[in-house]
Amino acid sequence: MRIEGVQHHLWLKQAPELGAFYSAELPLDSDYEIRAHAAHRLWRAINGRPPGPSFYQLSAQRRQRLALALRALDGHMDGASYREIAEVLFGRKRIAERSWKTHELRSLIIRLVQDGLALISDGYRALLRPPSRKK
C-alpha cells in the first residue's frame, strides 16, 4: 500500500473490502518493536498525518562503506587484483610506489571484498534491522 509516497507492506488474511474496519495483530517476538513502529507509521499515514521517521536508517558513513564494498567485490569478481581495485576506488596517486604488501589500502581493500562477500551470502538481511540494543 502506497500512501503519500511511503510504501507500507501489509499481510491480510483475505482480500480487503471497502468500508471494513481492520486491526493490527503484532506478535510479541524479537521484532515487536519494529512491527509496532511500522504499524504506528501506517496508522498516521491512513489518518492523513506525516508518517514520521523510519525506525532505522543507515548512516552516511555506513552507506558509503557498503557502496565501496560492493564496488570492490565487483572488481574482485571480474578478476581484478587488490591493487587494481584500490587504484579505481581511491586513485592511483594514493598508492605510492612503496611496497604494496604493507600498504594500508591493501588491508582495506581485502576487508571491503570480504564485507561484499558477506553481503551477498545473506549478510544483506542485517541491513534491514538496526544493530541490537542489549540492555
N, C-alpha and C. Protein backbone atom coordinates (compact mmCIF):
# COMPACT_ATOMS: atom_id res chain seq x y z
N MET A 1 0.85 -1.16 0.00
CA MET A 1 0.00 0.00 0.00
C MET A 1 0.91 1.23 0.00
N ARG A 2 0.64 2.16 -0.92
CA ARG A 2 1.43 3.38 -1.01
C ARG A 2 0.55 4.55 -0.59
N ILE A 3 1.01 5.29 0.44
CA ILE A 3 0.28 6.47 0.92
C ILE A 3 1.25 7.63 0.98
N GLU A 4 0.95 8.69 0.24
CA GLU A 4 1.79 9.90 0.24
C GLU A 4 3.26 9.58 -0.04
N GLY A 5 3.50 8.69 -0.96
CA GLY A 5 4.86 8.36 -1.37
C GLY A 5 5.60 7.41 -0.45
N VAL A 6 4.94 6.92 0.61
CA VAL A 6 5.57 5.97 1.53
C VAL A 6 4.97 4.59 1.30
N GLN A 7 5.81 3.61 1.10
CA GLN A 7 5.36 2.24 0.87
C GLN A 7 5.15 1.52 2.20
N HIS A 8 3.96 0.96 2.40
CA HIS A 8 3.63 0.18 3.59
C HIS A 8 3.33 -1.24 3.14
N HIS A 9 3.91 -2.23 3.82
CA HIS A 9 3.70 -3.62 3.47
C HIS A 9 2.72 -4.25 4.46
N LEU A 10 1.65 -4.83 3.93
CA LEU A 10 0.62 -5.42 4.76
C LEU A 10 0.46 -6.90 4.41
N TRP A 11 0.06 -7.67 5.39
CA TRP A 11 -0.31 -9.06 5.15
C TRP A 11 -1.73 -9.21 5.63
N LEU A 12 -2.63 -9.50 4.71
CA LEU A 12 -4.04 -9.65 5.03
C LEU A 12 -4.46 -11.10 4.84
N LYS A 13 -5.29 -11.61 5.73
CA LYS A 13 -5.75 -13.00 5.63
C LYS A 13 -6.71 -13.19 4.46
N GLN A 14 -7.37 -12.12 4.06
CA GLN A 14 -8.30 -12.18 2.92
C GLN A 14 -8.24 -10.86 2.18
N ALA A 15 -8.85 -10.82 1.01
CA ALA A 15 -8.84 -9.61 0.19
C ALA A 15 -9.49 -8.44 0.95
N PRO A 16 -8.95 -7.24 0.84
CA PRO A 16 -9.51 -6.10 1.57
C PRO A 16 -10.87 -5.69 1.00
N GLU A 17 -11.73 -5.16 1.88
CA GLU A 17 -13.05 -4.69 1.49
C GLU A 17 -13.17 -3.22 1.83
N LEU A 18 -13.78 -2.46 0.93
CA LEU A 18 -14.01 -1.04 1.18
C LEU A 18 -14.97 -0.87 2.35
N GLY A 19 -14.67 0.05 3.24
CA GLY A 19 -15.53 0.36 4.36
C GLY A 19 -15.39 -0.56 5.55
N ALA A 20 -14.57 -1.60 5.43
CA ALA A 20 -14.38 -2.53 6.55
C ALA A 20 -13.39 -1.93 7.56
N PHE A 21 -13.48 -2.37 8.80
CA PHE A 21 -12.54 -1.95 9.83
C PHE A 21 -11.47 -3.03 9.98
N TYR A 22 -10.24 -2.58 10.22
CA TYR A 22 -9.13 -3.51 10.34
C TYR A 22 -8.36 -3.24 11.62
N SER A 23 -7.66 -4.23 12.09
CA SER A 23 -6.80 -4.06 13.26
C SER A 23 -5.44 -4.65 12.93
N ALA A 24 -4.46 -4.23 13.68
CA ALA A 24 -3.10 -4.75 13.51
C ALA A 24 -2.87 -5.84 14.56
N GLU A 25 -2.38 -6.96 14.10
CA GLU A 25 -2.04 -8.07 15.00
C GLU A 25 -0.52 -8.18 15.02
N LEU A 26 0.08 -7.92 16.17
CA LEU A 26 1.53 -7.89 16.28
C LEU A 26 2.01 -8.97 17.25
N PRO A 27 2.75 -9.96 16.75
CA PRO A 27 3.27 -10.99 17.66
C PRO A 27 4.30 -10.39 18.63
N LEU A 28 4.31 -10.86 19.84
CA LEU A 28 5.27 -10.37 20.85
C LEU A 28 6.58 -11.15 20.71
N ASP A 29 7.25 -10.92 19.60
CA ASP A 29 8.52 -11.61 19.33
C ASP A 29 9.66 -10.60 19.34
N SER A 30 10.83 -11.02 18.90
CA SER A 30 12.00 -10.14 18.93
C SER A 30 11.88 -8.95 17.98
N ASP A 31 10.95 -9.02 17.02
CA ASP A 31 10.75 -7.92 16.08
C ASP A 31 9.57 -7.03 16.46
N TYR A 32 9.02 -7.22 17.66
CA TYR A 32 7.83 -6.46 18.06
C TYR A 32 8.04 -4.95 17.95
N GLU A 33 9.16 -4.47 18.43
CA GLU A 33 9.41 -3.02 18.42
C GLU A 33 9.39 -2.46 16.99
N ILE A 34 9.97 -3.20 16.06
CA ILE A 34 9.99 -2.78 14.66
C ILE A 34 8.57 -2.80 14.09
N ARG A 35 7.83 -3.87 14.37
CA ARG A 35 6.46 -4.01 13.86
C ARG A 35 5.55 -2.91 14.44
N ALA A 36 5.69 -2.62 15.73
CA ALA A 36 4.86 -1.60 16.37
C ALA A 36 5.14 -0.23 15.75
N HIS A 37 6.39 0.05 15.48
CA HIS A 37 6.75 1.32 14.87
C HIS A 37 6.13 1.41 13.47
N ALA A 38 6.22 0.32 12.70
CA ALA A 38 5.64 0.30 11.35
C ALA A 38 4.12 0.45 11.40
N ALA A 39 3.47 -0.21 12.35
CA ALA A 39 2.01 -0.08 12.50
C ALA A 39 1.63 1.36 12.84
N HIS A 40 2.41 1.98 13.69
CA HIS A 40 2.13 3.38 14.06
C HIS A 40 2.30 4.30 12.86
N ARG A 41 3.32 4.07 12.06
CA ARG A 41 3.52 4.86 10.84
C ARG A 41 2.35 4.69 9.88
N LEU A 42 1.88 3.44 9.74
CA LEU A 42 0.74 3.18 8.87
C LEU A 42 -0.50 3.91 9.39
N TRP A 43 -0.78 3.82 10.68
CA TRP A 43 -1.93 4.49 11.28
C TRP A 43 -1.87 6.00 11.02
N ARG A 44 -0.68 6.58 11.20
CA ARG A 44 -0.52 8.02 10.97
C ARG A 44 -0.79 8.36 9.50
N ALA A 45 -0.27 7.55 8.59
CA ALA A 45 -0.46 7.81 7.16
C ALA A 45 -1.93 7.68 6.76
N ILE A 46 -2.61 6.66 7.25
CA ILE A 46 -4.03 6.46 6.94
C ILE A 46 -4.86 7.64 7.42
N ASN A 47 -4.46 8.24 8.53
CA ASN A 47 -5.19 9.37 9.11
C ASN A 47 -4.71 10.73 8.62
N GLY A 48 -3.95 10.73 7.53
CA GLY A 48 -3.53 11.97 6.90
C GLY A 48 -2.44 12.72 7.62
N ARG A 49 -1.76 12.07 8.52
CA ARG A 49 -0.66 12.71 9.24
C ARG A 49 0.66 12.26 8.63
N PRO A 50 1.70 13.04 8.78
CA PRO A 50 3.00 12.59 8.28
C PRO A 50 3.42 11.33 9.03
N PRO A 51 3.97 10.35 8.32
CA PRO A 51 4.28 9.07 8.96
C PRO A 51 5.40 9.15 9.99
N GLY A 52 6.22 10.18 9.95
CA GLY A 52 7.33 10.27 10.89
C GLY A 52 8.55 9.53 10.37
N PRO A 53 9.60 9.53 11.16
CA PRO A 53 10.86 8.93 10.68
C PRO A 53 10.79 7.41 10.61
N SER A 54 11.63 6.85 9.76
CA SER A 54 11.76 5.41 9.69
C SER A 54 12.35 4.91 11.00
N PHE A 55 12.15 3.64 11.28
CA PHE A 55 12.65 3.05 12.51
C PHE A 55 14.17 3.06 12.56
N TYR A 56 14.77 2.81 11.40
CA TYR A 56 16.22 2.68 11.35
C TYR A 56 16.71 3.15 9.99
N GLN A 57 17.72 4.00 9.99
CA GLN A 57 18.34 4.44 8.75
C GLN A 57 19.84 4.27 8.86
N LEU A 58 20.43 3.86 7.77
CA LEU A 58 21.89 3.72 7.74
C LEU A 58 22.53 5.10 7.74
N SER A 59 23.63 5.23 8.45
CA SER A 59 24.36 6.50 8.45
C SER A 59 25.01 6.69 7.09
N ALA A 60 25.35 7.92 6.78
CA ALA A 60 26.02 8.23 5.51
C ALA A 60 27.34 7.46 5.41
N GLN A 61 28.05 7.35 6.52
CA GLN A 61 29.33 6.63 6.53
C GLN A 61 29.11 5.15 6.22
N ARG A 62 28.06 4.56 6.81
CA ARG A 62 27.76 3.14 6.58
C ARG A 62 27.35 2.90 5.13
N ARG A 63 26.53 3.80 4.58
CA ARG A 63 26.12 3.68 3.17
C ARG A 63 27.32 3.77 2.24
N GLN A 64 28.25 4.69 2.56
CA GLN A 64 29.45 4.84 1.73
C GLN A 64 30.30 3.58 1.78
N ARG A 65 30.47 3.01 2.97
CA ARG A 65 31.28 1.79 3.10
C ARG A 65 30.62 0.63 2.36
N LEU A 66 29.31 0.51 2.44
CA LEU A 66 28.61 -0.56 1.72
C LEU A 66 28.79 -0.41 0.22
N ALA A 67 28.71 0.82 -0.26
CA ALA A 67 28.92 1.07 -1.69
C ALA A 67 30.34 0.69 -2.11
N LEU A 68 31.32 1.05 -1.28
CA LEU A 68 32.71 0.68 -1.58
C LEU A 68 32.88 -0.83 -1.56
N ALA A 69 32.24 -1.50 -0.60
CA ALA A 69 32.35 -2.95 -0.50
C ALA A 69 31.79 -3.62 -1.75
N LEU A 70 30.66 -3.15 -2.23
CA LEU A 70 30.06 -3.76 -3.43
C LEU A 70 30.89 -3.45 -4.68
N ARG A 71 31.44 -2.26 -4.76
CA ARG A 71 32.30 -1.92 -5.91
C ARG A 71 33.58 -2.75 -5.87
N ALA A 72 34.16 -2.92 -4.67
CA ALA A 72 35.37 -3.74 -4.54
C ALA A 72 35.06 -5.19 -4.91
N LEU A 73 33.92 -5.68 -4.48
CA LEU A 73 33.52 -7.05 -4.81
C LEU A 73 33.32 -7.22 -6.31
N ASP A 74 32.72 -6.24 -6.96
CA ASP A 74 32.55 -6.31 -8.42
C ASP A 74 33.91 -6.47 -9.11
N GLY A 75 34.87 -5.65 -8.68
CA GLY A 75 36.20 -5.74 -9.26
C GLY A 75 36.83 -7.10 -9.00
N HIS A 76 36.70 -7.57 -7.78
CA HIS A 76 37.26 -8.87 -7.39
C HIS A 76 36.65 -10.00 -8.22
N MET A 77 35.34 -9.95 -8.40
CA MET A 77 34.66 -11.00 -9.17
C MET A 77 34.98 -10.92 -10.66
N ASP A 78 35.39 -9.74 -11.13
CA ASP A 78 35.82 -9.59 -12.52
C ASP A 78 37.28 -9.96 -12.72
N GLY A 79 37.96 -10.36 -11.63
CA GLY A 79 39.34 -10.81 -11.73
C GLY A 79 40.39 -9.75 -11.50
N ALA A 80 39.99 -8.57 -11.06
CA ALA A 80 40.96 -7.50 -10.80
C ALA A 80 41.76 -7.82 -9.54
N SER A 81 43.02 -7.39 -9.54
CA SER A 81 43.85 -7.57 -8.35
C SER A 81 43.42 -6.56 -7.29
N TYR A 82 43.85 -6.78 -6.05
CA TYR A 82 43.53 -5.84 -4.98
C TYR A 82 44.11 -4.46 -5.29
N ARG A 83 45.28 -4.44 -5.86
CA ARG A 83 45.92 -3.16 -6.21
C ARG A 83 45.11 -2.43 -7.28
N GLU A 84 44.64 -3.16 -8.29
CA GLU A 84 43.83 -2.53 -9.34
C GLU A 84 42.52 -1.98 -8.76
N ILE A 85 41.93 -2.72 -7.85
CA ILE A 85 40.69 -2.26 -7.21
C ILE A 85 40.96 -0.99 -6.43
N ALA A 86 42.07 -0.96 -5.68
CA ALA A 86 42.43 0.23 -4.90
C ALA A 86 42.65 1.44 -5.81
N GLU A 87 43.29 1.23 -6.95
CA GLU A 87 43.54 2.33 -7.88
C GLU A 87 42.23 2.90 -8.42
N VAL A 88 41.27 2.03 -8.70
CA VAL A 88 39.98 2.50 -9.21
C VAL A 88 39.19 3.22 -8.12
N LEU A 89 39.17 2.65 -6.91
CA LEU A 89 38.36 3.23 -5.84
C LEU A 89 38.97 4.48 -5.23
N PHE A 90 40.29 4.52 -5.10
CA PHE A 90 40.94 5.62 -4.38
C PHE A 90 41.90 6.44 -5.21
N GLY A 91 42.11 6.06 -6.45
CA GLY A 91 43.00 6.81 -7.32
C GLY A 91 44.43 6.31 -7.25
N ARG A 92 45.09 6.38 -8.37
CA ARG A 92 46.46 5.88 -8.47
C ARG A 92 47.42 6.68 -7.60
N LYS A 93 47.12 7.97 -7.38
CA LYS A 93 48.02 8.83 -6.59
C LYS A 93 48.09 8.40 -5.13
N ARG A 94 47.02 7.79 -4.60
CA ARG A 94 47.02 7.37 -3.19
C ARG A 94 47.90 6.16 -2.95
N ILE A 95 48.26 5.48 -4.03
CA ILE A 95 49.07 4.27 -3.89
C ILE A 95 50.50 4.62 -4.30
N ALA A 96 51.31 4.80 -3.30
CA ALA A 96 52.70 5.17 -3.55
C ALA A 96 53.46 4.01 -4.18
N GLU A 97 54.65 4.30 -4.59
CA GLU A 97 55.48 3.27 -5.22
C GLU A 97 56.08 2.31 -4.20
N ARG A 98 55.83 2.56 -2.92
CA ARG A 98 56.37 1.67 -1.90
C ARG A 98 55.70 0.30 -1.98
N SER A 99 56.11 -0.57 -1.16
CA SER A 99 55.64 -1.95 -1.20
C SER A 99 54.13 -2.06 -1.01
N TRP A 100 53.47 -2.69 -1.94
CA TRP A 100 52.03 -2.87 -1.87
C TRP A 100 51.64 -3.85 -0.77
N LYS A 101 52.49 -4.81 -0.49
CA LYS A 101 52.17 -5.83 0.52
C LYS A 101 51.96 -5.23 1.91
N THR A 102 52.55 -4.09 2.20
CA THR A 102 52.41 -3.47 3.52
C THR A 102 51.57 -2.19 3.48
N HIS A 103 50.96 -1.90 2.34
CA HIS A 103 50.18 -0.67 2.19
C HIS A 103 48.85 -0.80 2.95
N GLU A 104 48.46 0.29 3.65
CA GLU A 104 47.22 0.23 4.44
C GLU A 104 45.98 0.07 3.55
N LEU A 105 46.04 0.57 2.31
CA LEU A 105 44.90 0.40 1.41
C LEU A 105 44.70 -1.06 0.99
N ARG A 106 45.79 -1.84 0.97
CA ARG A 106 45.67 -3.26 0.64
C ARG A 106 44.79 -3.95 1.67
N SER A 107 45.04 -3.69 2.93
CA SER A 107 44.23 -4.29 4.00
C SER A 107 42.78 -3.83 3.90
N LEU A 108 42.58 -2.55 3.61
CA LEU A 108 41.22 -2.02 3.48
C LEU A 108 40.48 -2.70 2.33
N ILE A 109 41.14 -2.86 1.19
CA ILE A 109 40.50 -3.49 0.04
C ILE A 109 40.14 -4.94 0.36
N ILE A 110 41.02 -5.65 1.02
CA ILE A 110 40.74 -7.05 1.39
C ILE A 110 39.50 -7.10 2.30
N ARG A 111 39.43 -6.19 3.28
CA ARG A 111 38.26 -6.16 4.17
C ARG A 111 36.99 -5.79 3.41
N LEU A 112 37.10 -4.85 2.47
CA LEU A 112 35.93 -4.46 1.68
C LEU A 112 35.42 -5.63 0.84
N VAL A 113 36.33 -6.37 0.24
CA VAL A 113 35.92 -7.55 -0.55
C VAL A 113 35.26 -8.58 0.36
N GLN A 114 35.84 -8.81 1.54
CA GLN A 114 35.23 -9.76 2.49
C GLN A 114 33.84 -9.29 2.92
N ASP A 115 33.70 -7.98 3.16
CA ASP A 115 32.38 -7.44 3.52
C ASP A 115 31.38 -7.63 2.38
N GLY A 116 31.84 -7.41 1.16
CA GLY A 116 30.97 -7.61 -0.01
C GLY A 116 30.54 -9.05 -0.15
N LEU A 117 31.47 -9.98 0.07
CA LEU A 117 31.13 -11.40 0.02
C LEU A 117 30.11 -11.77 1.10
N ALA A 118 30.28 -11.19 2.28
CA ALA A 118 29.33 -11.46 3.37
C ALA A 118 27.94 -10.91 3.01
N LEU A 119 27.90 -9.75 2.35
CA LEU A 119 26.62 -9.16 1.97
C LEU A 119 25.86 -10.05 1.00
N ILE A 120 26.56 -10.60 0.02
CA ILE A 120 25.85 -11.41 -0.98
C ILE A 120 25.50 -12.80 -0.47
N SER A 121 26.08 -13.20 0.65
CA SER A 121 25.71 -14.51 1.21
C SER A 121 24.87 -14.32 2.47
N ASP A 122 23.75 -13.65 2.32
CA ASP A 122 22.75 -13.43 3.36
C ASP A 122 23.06 -12.30 4.33
N GLY A 123 24.20 -11.67 4.23
CA GLY A 123 24.52 -10.57 5.13
C GLY A 123 23.68 -9.34 4.89
N TYR A 124 23.11 -9.22 3.68
CA TYR A 124 22.28 -8.06 3.36
C TYR A 124 21.07 -7.97 4.29
N ARG A 125 20.64 -9.09 4.86
CA ARG A 125 19.48 -9.06 5.76
C ARG A 125 19.75 -8.22 7.00
N ALA A 126 21.00 -8.15 7.41
CA ALA A 126 21.36 -7.34 8.58
C ALA A 126 21.11 -5.86 8.32
N LEU A 127 21.03 -5.46 7.05
CA LEU A 127 20.76 -4.06 6.72
C LEU A 127 19.32 -3.67 7.02
N LEU A 128 18.46 -4.66 7.13
CA LEU A 128 17.04 -4.40 7.34
C LEU A 128 16.67 -4.09 8.78
N ARG A 129 17.55 -4.38 9.69
CA ARG A 129 17.23 -4.13 11.10
C ARG A 129 18.39 -3.41 11.76
N PRO A 130 18.07 -2.63 12.78
CA PRO A 130 19.14 -1.87 13.45
C PRO A 130 20.03 -2.79 14.26
N PRO A 131 21.20 -2.30 14.62
CA PRO A 131 22.07 -3.09 15.49
C PRO A 131 21.33 -3.37 16.81
N SER A 132 21.58 -4.49 17.40
CA SER A 132 20.85 -4.84 18.63
C SER A 132 21.22 -3.89 19.75
N ARG A 133 20.22 -3.57 20.55
CA ARG A 133 20.42 -2.70 21.72
C ARG A 133 20.25 -3.57 22.94
N LYS A 134 21.33 -4.14 23.40
CA LYS A 134 21.26 -5.04 24.56
C LYS A 134 21.16 -4.22 25.82
N LYS A 135 20.25 -4.65 26.69
CA LYS A 135 20.02 -3.91 27.95
C LYS A 135 20.44 -4.75 29.12
